[in-house]
């Protein structure tokens, strides 16, 4: 069986294809499963964490730089605190 194909430039060519390809029985369950799986892989991803400049709030230091015995931190808007504060502050 000959089938016409068109390339990107618009030129027509014909190719030879075996007849038993089109005579084969279609497995509807297999086609359904493949379509279901491929559509499930293309879900839109909506999750996003806010960046430091997207968070509203104070930029003052949490506590003094020295003398507390704790690590140095700048503000609550720092990425290390973003897991807790990004969801509540908009």
PDB file of N, CA and C in Angstrom:
ATOM      1  N   UNK A   1       0.844  -1.164   0.000  1.00  0.00           N
ATOM      2  CA  UNK A   1       0.000   0.000   0.000  1.00  0.00           C
ATOM      3  C   UNK A   1       0.899   1.240   0.000  1.00  0.00           C
ATOM      4  N   UNK A   2       0.554   2.223  -0.802  1.00  0.00           N
ATOM      5  CA  UNK A   2       1.315   3.467  -0.881  1.00  0.00           C
ATOM      6  C   UNK A   2       0.561   4.563  -0.131  1.00  0.00           C
ATOM      7  N   UNK A   3       1.322   5.339   0.646  1.00  0.00           N
ATOM      8  CA  UNK A   3       0.749   6.452   1.412  1.00  0.00           C
ATOM      9  C   UNK A   3       1.502   7.711   1.026  1.00  0.00           C
ATOM     10  N   UNK A   4       0.737   8.786   0.805  1.00  0.00           N
ATOM     11  CA  UNK A   4       1.351  10.079   0.493  1.00  0.00           C
ATOM     12  C   UNK A   4       1.727  10.782   1.790  1.00  0.00           C
ATOM     13  N   UNK A   5       2.922  11.397   1.799  1.00  0.00           N
ATOM     14  CA  UNK A   5       3.339  12.197   2.941  1.00  0.00           C
ATOM     15  C   UNK A   5       3.826  13.541   2.427  1.00  0.00           C
ATOM     16  N   UNK A   6       3.679  14.560   3.261  1.00  0.00           N
ATOM     17  CA  UNK A   6       4.084  15.918   2.907  1.00  0.00           C
ATOM     18  C   UNK A   6       5.171  16.340   3.887  1.00  0.00           C
ATOM     19  N   UNK A   7       6.312  16.822   3.370  1.00  0.00           N
ATOM     20  CA  UNK A   7       7.392  17.265   4.249  1.00  0.00           C
ATOM     21  C   UNK A   7       7.198  18.730   4.622  1.00  0.00           C
ATOM     22  N   UNK A   8       8.126  19.295   5.371  1.00  0.00           N
ATOM     23  CA  UNK A   8       7.976  20.663   5.862  1.00  0.00           C
ATOM     24  C   UNK A   8       7.992  21.704   4.751  1.00  0.00           C
ATOM     25  N   UNK A   9       8.648  21.401   3.648  1.00  0.00           N
ATOM     26  CA  UNK A   9       8.672  22.353   2.532  1.00  0.00           C
ATOM     27  C   UNK A   9       7.407  22.283   1.685  1.00  0.00           C
ATOM     28  N   UNK A  10       6.543  21.321   1.942  1.00  0.00           N
ATOM     29  CA  UNK A  10       5.293  21.183   1.193  1.00  0.00           C
ATOM     30  C   UNK A  10       5.387  20.215   0.029  1.00  0.00           C
ATOM     31  N   UNK A  11       6.495  19.520  -0.120  1.00  0.00           N
ATOM     32  CA  UNK A  11       6.648  18.565  -1.212  1.00  0.00           C
ATOM     33  C   UNK A  11       6.002  17.242  -0.837  1.00  0.00           C
ATOM     34  N   UNK A  12       5.321  16.615  -1.817  1.00  0.00           N
ATOM     35  CA  UNK A  12       4.654  15.341  -1.581  1.00  0.00           C
ATOM     36  C   UNK A  12       5.565  14.196  -1.993  1.00  0.00           C
ATOM     37  N   UNK A  13       5.622  13.203  -1.137  1.00  0.00           N
ATOM     38  CA  UNK A  13       6.334  11.968  -1.410  1.00  0.00           C
ATOM     39  C   UNK A  13       5.390  10.822  -1.088  1.00  0.00           C
ATOM     40  N   UNK A  14       5.656   9.661  -1.644  1.00  0.00           N
ATOM     41  CA  UNK A  14       4.863   8.493  -1.289  1.00  0.00           C
ATOM     42  C   UNK A  14       5.799   7.425  -0.735  1.00  0.00           C
ATOM     43  N   UNK A  15       5.309   6.717   0.281  1.00  0.00           N
ATOM     44  CA  UNK A  15       6.097   5.654   0.888  1.00  0.00           C
ATOM     45  C   UNK A  15       5.301   4.358   0.829  1.00  0.00           C
ATOM     46  N   UNK A  16       6.005   3.269   0.841  1.00  0.00           N
ATOM     47  CA  UNK A  16       5.394   1.945   0.784  1.00  0.00           C
ATOM     48  C   UNK A  16       5.252   1.415   2.214  1.00  0.00           C
ATOM     49  N   UNK A  17       4.026   0.995   2.557  1.00  0.00           N
ATOM     50  CA  UNK A  17       3.726   0.492   3.894  1.00  0.00           C
ATOM     51  C   UNK A  17       3.079  -0.882   3.753  1.00  0.00           C
ATOM     52  N   UNK A  18       3.416  -1.766   4.674  1.00  0.00           N
ATOM     53  CA  UNK A  18       2.824  -3.110   4.640  1.00  0.00           C
ATOM     54  C   UNK A  18       1.334  -3.048   4.947  1.00  0.00           C
ATOM     55  N   UNK A  19       0.569  -3.905   4.294  1.00  0.00           N
ATOM     56  CA  UNK A  19      -0.886  -3.932   4.498  1.00  0.00           C
ATOM     57  C   UNK A  19      -1.259  -4.463   5.880  1.00  0.00           C
ATOM     58  N   UNK A  20      -0.437  -5.358   6.424  1.00  0.00           N
ATOM     59  CA  UNK A  20      -0.814  -5.953   7.702  1.00  0.00           C
ATOM     60  C   UNK A  20      -0.743  -4.961   8.863  1.00  0.00           C
ATOM     61  N   UNK A  21      -0.105  -3.813   8.660  1.00  0.00           N
ATOM     62  CA  UNK A  21      -0.087  -2.786   9.707  1.00  0.00           C
ATOM     63  C   UNK A  21      -1.485  -2.219   9.912  1.00  0.00           C
ATOM     64  N   UNK A  22      -2.182  -1.964   8.830  1.00  0.00           N
ATOM     65  CA  UNK A  22      -3.529  -1.393   8.920  1.00  0.00           C
ATOM     66  C   UNK A  22      -4.594  -2.458   9.125  1.00  0.00           C
ATOM     67  N   UNK A  23      -4.275  -3.716   8.864  1.00  0.00           N
ATOM     68  CA  UNK A  23      -5.231  -4.798   9.057  1.00  0.00           C
ATOM     69  C   UNK A  23      -5.207  -5.320  10.488  1.00  0.00           C
ATOM     70  N   UNK A  24      -4.263  -4.898  11.291  1.00  0.00           N
ATOM     71  CA  UNK A  24      -4.146  -5.397  12.659  1.00  0.00           C
ATOM     72  C   UNK A  24      -5.323  -4.928  13.501  1.00  0.00           C
ATOM     73  N   UNK A  25      -5.673  -5.761  14.486  1.00  0.00           N
ATOM     74  CA  UNK A  25      -6.782  -5.452  15.369  1.00  0.00           C
ATOM     75  C   UNK A  25      -6.313  -4.452  16.432  1.00  0.00           C
ATOM     76  N   UNK A  26      -7.134  -3.465  16.758  1.00  0.00           N
ATOM     77  CA  UNK A  26      -6.773  -2.427  17.716  1.00  0.00           C
ATOM     78  C   UNK A  26      -7.146  -2.892  19.121  1.00  0.00           C
ATOM     79  N   UNK A  27      -6.184  -2.802  20.025  1.00  0.00           N
ATOM     80  CA  UNK A  27      -6.410  -3.128  21.425  1.00  0.00           C
ATOM     81  C   UNK A  27      -6.837  -1.847  22.134  1.00  0.00           C
ATOM     82  N   UNK A  28      -8.133  -1.691  22.350  1.00  0.00           N
ATOM     83  CA  UNK A  28      -8.669  -0.445  22.907  1.00  0.00           C
ATOM     84  C   UNK A  28      -8.199  -0.207  24.346  1.00  0.00           C
ATOM     85  N   UNK A  29      -8.077  -1.286  25.110  1.00  0.00           N
ATOM     86  CA  UNK A  29      -7.626  -1.135  26.497  1.00  0.00           C
ATOM     87  C   UNK A  29      -6.183  -0.628  26.552  1.00  0.00           C
ATOM     88  N   UNK A  30      -5.337  -1.136  25.651  1.00  0.00           N
ATOM     89  CA  UNK A  30      -3.948  -0.693  25.610  1.00  0.00           C
ATOM     90  C   UNK A  30      -3.846   0.780  25.208  1.00  0.00           C
ATOM     91  N   UNK A  31      -4.609   1.165  24.204  1.00  0.00           N
ATOM     92  CA  UNK A  31      -4.606   2.569  23.766  1.00  0.00           C
ATOM     93  C   UNK A  31      -5.116   3.470  24.884  1.00  0.00           C
ATOM     94  N   UNK A  32      -6.149   3.025  25.579  1.00  0.00           N
ATOM     95  CA  UNK A  32      -6.705   3.804  26.679  1.00  0.00           C
ATOM     96  C   UNK A  32      -5.681   3.979  27.800  1.00  0.00           C
ATOM     97  N   UNK A  33      -4.975   2.899  28.137  1.00  0.00           N
ATOM     98  CA  UNK A  33      -3.967   2.982  29.201  1.00  0.00           C
ATOM     99  C   UNK A  33      -2.818   3.907  28.828  1.00  0.00           C
ATOM    100  N   UNK A  34      -2.385   3.860  27.589  1.00  0.00           N
ATOM    101  CA  UNK A  34      -1.286   4.725  27.145  1.00  0.00           C
ATOM    102  C   UNK A  34      -1.708   6.181  27.184  1.00  0.00           C
ATOM    103  N   UNK A  35      -2.915   6.487  26.712  1.00  0.00           N
ATOM    104  CA  UNK A  35      -3.391   7.866  26.742  1.00  0.00           C
ATOM    105  C   UNK A  35      -3.569   8.365  28.172  1.00  0.00           C
ATOM    106  N   UNK A  36      -4.079   7.511  29.037  1.00  0.00           N
ATOM    107  CA  UNK A  36      -4.274   7.888  30.441  1.00  0.00           C
ATOM    108  C   UNK A  36      -2.943   8.208  31.100  1.00  0.00           C
ATOM    109  N   UNK A  37      -1.948   7.370  30.851  1.00  0.00           N
ATOM    110  CA  UNK A  37      -0.638   7.565  31.480  1.00  0.00           C
ATOM    111  C   UNK A  37       0.059   8.806  30.930  1.00  0.00           C
ATOM    112  N   UNK A  38      -0.009   9.037  29.626  1.00  0.00           N
ATOM    113  CA  UNK A  38       0.652  10.217  29.068  1.00  0.00           C
ATOM    114  C   UNK A  38      -0.032  11.505  29.519  1.00  0.00           C
ATOM    115  N   UNK A  39      -1.354  11.496  29.650  1.00  0.00           N
ATOM    116  CA  UNK A  39      -2.048  12.690  30.132  1.00  0.00           C
ATOM    117  C   UNK A  39      -1.743  12.945  31.600  1.00  0.00           C
ATOM    118  N   UNK A  40      -1.556  11.886  32.381  1.00  0.00           N
ATOM    119  CA  UNK A  40      -1.240  12.058  33.797  1.00  0.00           C
ATOM    120  C   UNK A  40       0.150  12.667  33.975  1.00  0.00           C
ATOM    121  N   UNK A  41       1.053  12.424  33.035  1.00  0.00           N
ATOM    122  CA  UNK A  41       2.399  12.956  33.136  1.00  0.00           C
ATOM    123  C   UNK A  41       2.474  14.438  32.787  1.00  0.00           C
ATOM    124  N   UNK A  42       1.437  14.988  32.173  1.00  0.00           N
ATOM    125  CA  UNK A  42       1.457  16.389  31.755  1.00  0.00           C
ATOM    126  C   UNK A  42       0.600  17.268  32.657  1.00  0.00           C
ATOM    127  N   UNK A  43       0.487  16.927  33.927  1.00  0.00           N
ATOM    128  CA  UNK A  43      -0.264  17.771  34.842  1.00  0.00           C
ATOM    129  C   UNK A  43       0.489  19.079  35.042  1.00  0.00           C
ATOM    130  N   UNK A  44      -0.250  20.143  35.153  1.00  0.00           N
ATOM    131  CA  UNK A  44       0.375  21.426  35.415  1.00  0.00           C
ATOM    132  C   UNK A  44       0.854  21.505  36.844  1.00  0.00           C
ATOM    133  N   UNK A  45       2.047  21.931  37.043  1.00  0.00           N
ATOM    134  CA  UNK A  45       2.594  22.062  38.388  1.00  0.00           C
ATOM    135  C   UNK A  45       2.306  23.467  38.883  1.00  0.00           C
ATOM    136  N   UNK A  46       1.619  23.567  40.003  1.00  0.00           N
ATOM    137  CA  UNK A  46       1.192  24.860  40.517  1.00  0.00           C
ATOM    138  C   UNK A  46       1.948  25.286  41.777  1.00  0.00           C
ATOM    139  N   UNK A  47       2.712  24.387  42.378  1.00  0.00           N
ATOM    140  CA  UNK A  47       3.371  24.714  43.640  1.00  0.00           C
ATOM    141  C   UNK A  47       4.495  25.719  43.431  1.00  0.00           C
ATOM    142  N   UNK A  48       4.586  26.666  44.346  1.00  0.00           N
ATOM    143  CA  UNK A  48       5.637  27.669  44.265  1.00  0.00           C
ATOM    144  C   UNK A  48       5.896  28.199  45.664  1.00  0.00           C
ATOM    145  N   UNK A  49       7.157  28.339  46.015  1.00  0.00           N
ATOM    146  CA  UNK A  49       7.506  28.986  47.270  1.00  0.00           C
ATOM    147  C   UNK A  49       7.898  30.418  46.974  1.00  0.00           C
ATOM    148  N   UNK A  50       7.587  31.280  47.885  1.00  0.00           N
ATOM    149  CA  UNK A  50       7.879  32.691  47.674  1.00  0.00           C
ATOM    150  C   UNK A  50       9.362  32.966  47.839  1.00  0.00           C
ATOM    151  N   UNK A  51       9.853  33.909  47.066  1.00  0.00           N
ATOM    152  CA  UNK A  51      11.235  34.352  47.187  1.00  0.00           C
ATOM    153  C   UNK A  51      11.320  35.399  48.302  1.00  0.00           C
ATOM    154  N   UNK A  52      12.523  35.756  48.651  1.00  0.00           N
ATOM    155  CA  UNK A  52      12.725  36.681  49.758  1.00  0.00           C
ATOM    156  C   UNK A  52      12.116  38.055  49.464  1.00  0.00           C
ATOM    157  N   UNK A  53      12.145  38.475  48.217  1.00  0.00           N
ATOM    158  CA  UNK A  53      11.605  39.798  47.892  1.00  0.00           C
ATOM    159  C   UNK A  53      10.083  39.790  47.768  1.00  0.00           C
ATOM    160  N   UNK A  54       9.439  38.629  47.772  1.00  0.00           N
ATOM    161  CA  UNK A  54       7.985  38.554  47.641  1.00  0.00           C
ATOM    162  C   UNK A  54       7.270  38.527  48.990  1.00  0.00           C
ATOM    163  N   UNK A  55       8.013  38.430  50.068  1.00  0.00           N
ATOM    164  CA  UNK A  55       7.413  38.323  51.389  1.00  0.00           C
ATOM    165  C   UNK A  55       7.288  39.707  51.996  1.00  0.00           C
ATOM    166  N   UNK A  56       6.112  40.003  52.535  1.00  0.00           N
ATOM    167  CA  UNK A  56       5.919  41.258  53.245  1.00  0.00           C
ATOM    168  C   UNK A  56       6.328  41.063  54.690  1.00  0.00           C
ATOM    169  N   UNK A  57       6.853  42.083  55.277  1.00  0.00           N
ATOM    170  CA  UNK A  57       7.219  42.002  56.678  1.00  0.00           C
ATOM    171  C   UNK A  57       8.432  42.845  56.983  1.00  0.00           C
ATOM    172  N   UNK A  58       8.819  42.796  58.218  1.00  0.00           N
ATOM    173  CA  UNK A  58       9.916  43.615  58.700  1.00  0.00           C
ATOM    174  C   UNK A  58      11.256  43.054  58.237  1.00  0.00           C
ATOM    175  N   UNK A  59      12.201  43.949  58.001  1.00  0.00           N
ATOM    176  CA  UNK A  59      13.547  43.524  57.626  1.00  0.00           C
ATOM    177  C   UNK A  59      14.521  43.738  58.779  1.00  0.00           C
ATOM    178  N   UNK A  60      13.998  44.005  59.975  1.00  0.00           N
ATOM    179  CA  UNK A  60      14.886  44.226  61.118  1.00  0.00           C
ATOM    180  C   UNK A  60      15.485  42.900  61.572  1.00  0.00           C
ATOM    181  N   UNK A  61      16.619  42.984  62.251  1.00  0.00           N
ATOM    182  CA  UNK A  61      17.280  41.771  62.726  1.00  0.00           C
ATOM    183  C   UNK A  61      16.426  41.082  63.784  1.00  0.00           C
ATOM    184  N   UNK A  62      16.523  39.758  63.828  1.00  0.00           N
ATOM    185  CA  UNK A  62      15.739  38.973  64.776  1.00  0.00           C
ATOM    186  C   UNK A  62      16.243  39.218  66.189  1.00  0.00           C
ATOM    187  N   UNK A  63      17.541  39.144  66.361  1.00  0.00           N
ATOM    188  CA  UNK A  63      18.173  39.412  67.647  1.00  0.00           C
ATOM    189  C   UNK A  63      19.577  39.933  67.380  1.00  0.00           C
ATOM    190  N   UNK A  64      20.284  40.274  68.423  1.00  0.00           N
ATOM    191  CA  UNK A  64      21.606  40.886  68.286  1.00  0.00           C
ATOM    192  C   UNK A  64      22.575  39.934  67.596  1.00  0.00           C
ATOM    193  N   UNK A  65      23.522  40.520  66.885  1.00  0.00           N
ATOM    194  CA  UNK A  65      24.499  39.731  66.136  1.00  0.00           C
ATOM    195  C   UNK A  65      25.379  38.910  67.076  1.00  0.00           C
ATOM    196  N   UNK A  66      25.762  39.513  68.188  1.00  0.00           N
ATOM    197  CA  UNK A  66      26.678  38.834  69.121  1.00  0.00           C
ATOM    198  C   UNK A  66      26.054  38.743  70.500  1.00  0.00           C
ATOM    199  N   UNK A  67      26.558  37.785  71.254  1.00  0.00           N
ATOM    200  CA  UNK A  67      26.160  37.687  72.644  1.00  0.00           C
ATOM    201  C   UNK A  67      24.981  36.772  72.917  1.00  0.00           C
ATOM    202  N   UNK A  68      24.303  36.274  71.911  1.00  0.00           N
ATOM    203  CA  UNK A  68      23.145  35.416  72.167  1.00  0.00           C
ATOM    204  C   UNK A  68      23.517  33.937  72.193  1.00  0.00           C
ATOM    205  N   UNK A  69      24.636  33.572  71.569  1.00  0.00           N
ATOM    206  CA  UNK A  69      25.021  32.169  71.485  1.00  0.00           C
ATOM    207  C   UNK A  69      24.353  31.445  70.335  1.00  0.00           C
ATOM    208  N   UNK A  70      23.520  32.144  69.606  1.00  0.00           N
ATOM    209  CA  UNK A  70      22.824  31.537  68.470  1.00  0.00           C
ATOM    210  C   UNK A  70      23.513  31.927  67.166  1.00  0.00           C
ATOM    211  N   UNK A  71      23.059  31.343  66.080  1.00  0.00           N
ATOM    212  CA  UNK A  71      23.611  31.671  64.769  1.00  0.00           C
ATOM    213  C   UNK A  71      23.201  33.085  64.372  1.00  0.00           C
ATOM    214  N   UNK A  72      23.958  33.663  63.427  1.00  0.00           N
ATOM    215  CA  UNK A  72      23.644  35.000  62.938  1.00  0.00           C
ATOM    216  C   UNK A  72      22.488  34.917  61.956  1.00  0.00           C
ATOM    217  N   UNK A  73      21.507  35.776  62.133  1.00  0.00           N
ATOM    218  CA  UNK A  73      20.387  35.851  61.197  1.00  0.00           C
ATOM    219  C   UNK A  73      20.090  37.314  60.915  1.00  0.00           C
ATOM    220  N   UNK A  74      19.584  37.561  59.739  1.00  0.00           N
ATOM    221  CA  UNK A  74      19.242  38.938  59.373  1.00  0.00           C
ATOM    222  C   UNK A  74      17.786  39.216  59.709  1.00  0.00           C
ATOM    223  N   UNK A  75      16.856  38.723  58.908  1.00  0.00           N
ATOM    224  CA  UNK A  75      15.443  39.024  59.132  1.00  0.00           C
ATOM    225  C   UNK A  75      14.622  37.752  58.983  1.00  0.00           C
ATOM    226  N   UNK A  76      13.361  37.851  59.315  1.00  0.00           N
ATOM    227  CA  UNK A  76      12.438  36.720  59.156  1.00  0.00           C
ATOM    228  C   UNK A  76      12.177  36.414  57.678  1.00  0.00           C
ATOM    229  N   UNK A  77      12.543  37.316  56.800  1.00  0.00           N
ATOM    230  CA  UNK A  77      12.327  37.115  55.376  1.00  0.00           C
ATOM    231  C   UNK A  77      13.418  36.268  54.724  1.00  0.00           C
ATOM    232  N   UNK A  78      14.411  35.857  55.491  1.00  0.00           N
ATOM    233  CA  UNK A  78      15.494  35.043  54.951  1.00  0.00           C
ATOM    234  C   UNK A  78      14.957  33.680  54.499  1.00  0.00           C
ATOM    235  N   UNK A  79      15.569  33.072  53.495  1.00  0.00           N
ATOM    236  CA  UNK A  79      15.075  31.790  52.968  1.00  0.00           C
ATOM    237  C   UNK A  79      15.035  30.673  54.000  1.00  0.00           C
ATOM    238  N   UNK A  80      15.868  30.735  55.027  1.00  0.00           N
ATOM    239  CA  UNK A  80      15.860  29.671  56.029  1.00  0.00           C
ATOM    240  C   UNK A  80      14.553  29.661  56.823  1.00  0.00           C
ATOM    241  N   UNK A  81      13.904  30.808  56.923  1.00  0.00           N
ATOM    242  CA  UNK A  81      12.633  30.896  57.637  1.00  0.00           C
ATOM    243  C   UNK A  81      11.441  30.830  56.683  1.00  0.00           C
ATOM    244  N   UNK A  82      11.670  30.738  55.414  1.00  0.00           N
ATOM    245  CA  UNK A  82      10.599  30.852  54.428  1.00  0.00           C
ATOM    246  C   UNK A  82       9.596  29.708  54.524  1.00  0.00           C
ATOM    247  N   UNK A  83      10.017  28.542  54.974  1.00  0.00           N
ATOM    248  CA  UNK A  83       9.098  27.415  55.049  1.00  0.00           C
ATOM    249  C   UNK A  83       7.948  27.718  55.994  1.00  0.00           C
ATOM    250  N   UNK A  84       8.241  28.403  57.079  1.00  0.00           N
ATOM    251  CA  UNK A  84       7.209  28.694  58.059  1.00  0.00           C
ATOM    252  C   UNK A  84       6.426  29.958  57.713  1.00  0.00           C
ATOM    253  N   UNK A  85       7.125  30.989  57.224  1.00  0.00           N
ATOM    254  CA  UNK A  85       6.505  32.296  57.077  1.00  0.00           C
ATOM    255  C   UNK A  85       5.916  32.561  55.709  1.00  0.00           C
ATOM    256  N   UNK A  86       6.366  31.881  54.683  1.00  0.00           N
ATOM    257  CA  UNK A  86       5.900  32.196  53.328  1.00  0.00           C
ATOM    258  C   UNK A  86       4.412  31.894  53.142  1.00  0.00           C
ATOM    259  N   UNK A  87       3.918  30.906  53.841  1.00  0.00           N
ATOM    260  CA  UNK A  87       2.519  30.532  53.656  1.00  0.00           C
ATOM    261  C   UNK A  87       1.577  31.518  54.310  1.00  0.00           C
ATOM    262  N   UNK A  88       2.012  32.119  55.400  1.00  0.00           N
ATOM    263  CA  UNK A  88       1.109  32.990  56.134  1.00  0.00           C
ATOM    264  C   UNK A  88       1.211  34.437  55.674  1.00  0.00           C
ATOM    265  N   UNK A  89       2.372  34.878  55.274  1.00  0.00           N
ATOM    266  CA  UNK A  89       2.529  36.268  54.848  1.00  0.00           C
ATOM    267  C   UNK A  89       2.307  36.378  53.366  1.00  0.00           C
ATOM    268  N   UNK A  90       1.560  37.372  52.942  1.00  0.00           N
ATOM    269  CA  UNK A  90       1.336  37.566  51.508  1.00  0.00           C
ATOM    270  C   UNK A  90       1.784  38.932  51.094  1.00  0.00           C
TER     271      UNK A  90
END
